[in-house]
Amino acid sequence: MFSVEQPDRYKNLWDAPNLLLQKIPAEEFTATVKVKIDERFEGERFGLVVMGLDYSYIGITNRNSKLFIAQANAKDADKGSKETEGLSQPLTTNDVYLRVTMKSGGVCLFSFSVDGKNFTTIGDPVKAREGRWIGAKIGFFFNRPGNFNDAGSAEIDWIRFEK
């Protein structure tokens, strides 16, 4: 997946043209993704998102040629609200495992790992909210703040859903 330039007047992911999403597969599940980030430019951001009228994601951002990971949220995203990002943590590798665990009632908890075994929770639990036509969705995005040739890429090795 290549990073895509954010449109003019970008406010949040509702404005993004490059969301790769699918319906949530069950009321309770865990989705784990193995991804390798090849960032090229300041501000490029890849994320595993739970998308609806509100959304939340665990995202990896390039800042000063280093990778940082954080949870971000947008309440009433469909109405143009701005995203808020929690505390970010530096990453020591560009090979990362991202995870979202959805519990009963749509409560989501995000975590990450550099070895695929030991996961660190990041951010606060959030409640998934339905989308416009069908329920909430889960998926990926990769965007950047400017127009550059030879943009960064995210190699999504696999995604696994477990009950």
Protein backbone atom coordinates (compact mmCIF):
# COMPACT_ATOMS: atom_id res chain seq x y z
CA MET A 1 0.00 0.00 0.00
CA PHE A 2 1.49 3.36 -1.02
CA SER A 3 0.93 6.60 0.85
CA VAL A 4 -1.55 8.94 -0.81
CA GLU A 5 -1.57 12.71 -0.61
CA GLN A 6 -4.22 14.13 1.71
CA PRO A 7 -6.79 16.19 -0.18
CA ASP A 8 -7.01 19.97 0.12
CA ARG A 9 -8.73 21.06 3.36
CA TYR A 10 -8.12 17.63 4.92
CA LYS A 11 -9.66 17.38 8.41
CA ASN A 12 -9.81 13.66 9.15
CA LEU A 13 -10.01 10.21 7.53
CA TRP A 14 -13.54 10.89 6.25
CA ASP A 15 -11.77 13.09 3.68
CA ALA A 16 -9.27 10.37 2.70
CA PRO A 17 -9.78 8.62 -0.65
CA ASN A 18 -7.64 5.58 0.16
CA LEU A 19 -9.23 3.64 3.00
CA LEU A 20 -9.09 -0.13 2.54
CA LEU A 21 -11.95 -1.41 4.73
CA GLN A 22 -14.13 -4.42 5.38
CA LYS A 23 -17.12 -5.07 7.60
CA ILE A 24 -16.35 -6.07 11.17
CA PRO A 25 -16.44 -9.89 11.18
CA ALA A 26 -17.99 -10.56 14.62
CA GLU A 27 -19.18 -8.89 17.81
CA GLU A 28 -15.97 -9.94 19.58
CA PHE A 29 -12.65 -10.60 17.83
CA THR A 30 -8.96 -9.79 17.68
CA ALA A 31 -7.33 -8.61 14.44
CA THR A 32 -3.53 -8.71 14.22
CA VAL A 33 -1.54 -7.29 11.30
CA LYS A 34 2.10 -7.75 10.38
CA VAL A 35 3.38 -4.76 8.42
CA LYS A 36 6.71 -3.36 7.26
CA ILE A 37 6.80 0.42 6.85
CA ASP A 38 9.09 2.02 4.27
CA GLU A 39 8.52 5.69 5.02
CA ARG A 40 10.04 8.35 2.80
CA PHE A 41 8.68 11.73 3.89
CA GLU A 42 7.89 13.71 7.00
CA GLY A 43 4.31 13.21 8.15
CA GLU A 44 3.57 9.95 6.33
CA ARG A 45 1.17 7.90 8.47
CA PHE A 46 0.03 4.28 8.22
CA GLY A 47 -2.75 2.96 10.43
CA LEU A 48 -5.04 0.12 11.43
CA VAL A 49 -8.42 1.82 11.81
CA VAL A 50 -11.87 0.99 13.19
CA MET A 51 -13.98 3.32 11.04
CA GLY A 52 -17.49 4.64 11.50
CA LEU A 53 -19.12 7.98 12.26
CA ASP A 54 -16.42 8.12 14.94
CA TYR A 55 -13.12 6.37 14.35
CA SER A 56 -10.02 5.29 16.17
CA TYR A 57 -6.74 3.85 14.97
CA ILE A 58 -3.26 2.80 15.92
CA GLY A 59 -0.91 4.66 13.60
CA ILE A 60 2.76 4.82 12.72
CA THR A 61 4.03 8.28 11.75
CA ASN A 62 7.34 9.47 10.30
CA ARG A 63 8.65 12.42 12.34
CA ASN A 64 12.19 13.70 11.80
CA SER A 65 13.08 10.49 9.95
CA LYS A 66 12.03 8.34 12.92
CA LEU A 67 8.92 6.23 13.41
CA PHE A 68 6.46 6.88 16.23
CA ILE A 69 3.32 4.97 17.19
CA ALA A 70 0.17 6.37 18.81
CA GLN A 71 -3.57 5.98 19.02
CA ALA A 72 -5.71 8.66 17.41
CA ASN A 73 -9.47 9.30 17.56
CA ALA A 74 -12.07 11.45 15.87
CA LYS A 75 -15.54 11.94 17.35
CA ASP A 76 -18.26 12.85 14.85
CA ALA A 77 -15.71 12.51 12.06
CA ASP A 78 -18.47 12.55 9.46
CA LYS A 79 -19.19 16.16 10.50
CA GLY A 80 -15.58 17.28 9.93
CA SER A 81 -14.23 17.16 13.48
CA LYS A 82 -10.46 17.12 13.90
CA GLU A 83 -8.49 14.10 14.95
CA THR A 84 -6.80 13.96 18.34
CA GLU A 85 -3.66 11.92 18.92
CA GLY A 86 -2.61 10.41 22.22
CA LEU A 87 0.92 10.12 23.52
CA SER A 88 3.28 8.69 20.94
CA GLN A 89 6.08 6.23 21.54
CA PRO A 90 9.21 5.79 19.41
CA LEU A 91 9.62 2.58 17.43
CA THR A 92 12.97 0.83 17.10
CA THR A 93 12.06 -1.09 13.93
CA ASN A 94 9.94 -0.68 10.82
CA ASP A 95 8.62 -4.28 11.12
CA VAL A 96 5.62 -4.00 13.45
CA TYR A 97 2.60 -6.00 14.54
CA LEU A 98 -0.56 -3.94 15.09
CA ARG A 99 -3.59 -5.29 16.94
CA VAL A 100 -7.13 -4.29 17.76
CA THR A 101 -9.25 -6.31 20.16
CA MET A 102 -13.00 -5.72 19.99
CA LYS A 103 -15.04 -6.76 23.00
CA SER A 104 -18.78 -6.97 23.56
CA GLY A 105 -20.53 -3.66 22.99
CA GLY A 106 -17.97 -2.56 20.39
CA VAL A 107 -15.25 -1.61 22.90
CA CYS A 108 -11.87 -1.55 21.08
CA LEU A 109 -8.40 -1.74 22.56
CA PHE A 110 -5.27 -1.17 20.44
CA SER A 111 -1.81 -2.64 20.97
CA PHE A 112 1.46 -3.23 19.11
CA SER A 113 4.49 -5.51 19.17
CA VAL A 114 7.93 -5.60 17.59
CA ASP A 115 8.29 -9.39 17.99
CA GLY A 116 4.72 -10.64 17.45
CA LYS A 117 4.57 -12.12 20.96
CA ASN A 118 4.71 -9.34 23.54
CA PHE A 119 2.05 -6.70 22.87
CA THR A 120 1.97 -3.25 24.47
CA THR A 121 -1.40 -1.54 24.92
CA ILE A 122 -1.52 1.99 23.57
CA GLY A 123 -4.16 4.62 24.19
CA ASP A 124 -7.52 4.20 25.87
CA PRO A 125 -10.40 1.85 25.08
CA VAL A 126 -12.87 3.37 22.60
CA LYS A 127 -16.36 2.37 21.51
CA ALA A 128 -16.83 1.63 17.82
CA ARG A 129 -19.67 3.54 16.20
CA GLU A 130 -21.61 2.48 13.13
CA GLY A 131 -21.03 4.01 9.71
CA ARG A 132 -23.65 5.56 7.45
CA TRP A 133 -24.90 2.56 5.53
CA ILE A 134 -23.75 -0.45 7.53
CA GLY A 135 -21.93 -1.06 10.79
CA ALA A 136 -18.39 -0.05 11.66
CA LYS A 137 -15.52 -1.33 9.51
CA ILE A 138 -11.90 -2.28 10.05
CA GLY A 139 -9.00 -1.66 7.70
CA PHE A 140 -5.97 0.36 6.68
CA PHE A 141 -4.89 3.74 5.39
CA PHE A 142 -1.57 5.33 4.44
CA ASN A 143 -1.47 9.06 3.80
CA ARG A 144 0.94 11.98 3.60
CA PRO A 145 0.58 15.73 3.92
CA GLY A 146 2.17 16.70 0.59
CA ASN A 147 2.60 15.82 -3.07
CA PHE A 148 5.86 13.90 -3.50
CA ASN A 149 7.16 11.48 -6.08
CA ASP A 150 8.33 8.11 -4.83
CA ALA A 151 6.10 8.03 -1.75
CA GLY A 152 6.53 5.58 1.11
CA SER A 153 4.94 2.16 1.23
CA ALA A 154 3.52 -0.30 3.73
CA GLU A 155 3.99 -3.98 3.01
CA ILE A 156 1.08 -5.72 4.73
CA ASP A 157 2.31 -9.28 5.14
CA TRP A 158 -0.91 -10.65 6.67
CA ILE A 159 -3.94 -9.90 8.80
CA ARG A 160 -5.45 -12.56 11.06
CA PHE A 161 -8.83 -12.51 12.73
CA GLU A 162 -9.35 -14.61 15.85
CA LYS A 163 -12.40 -15.08 18.00
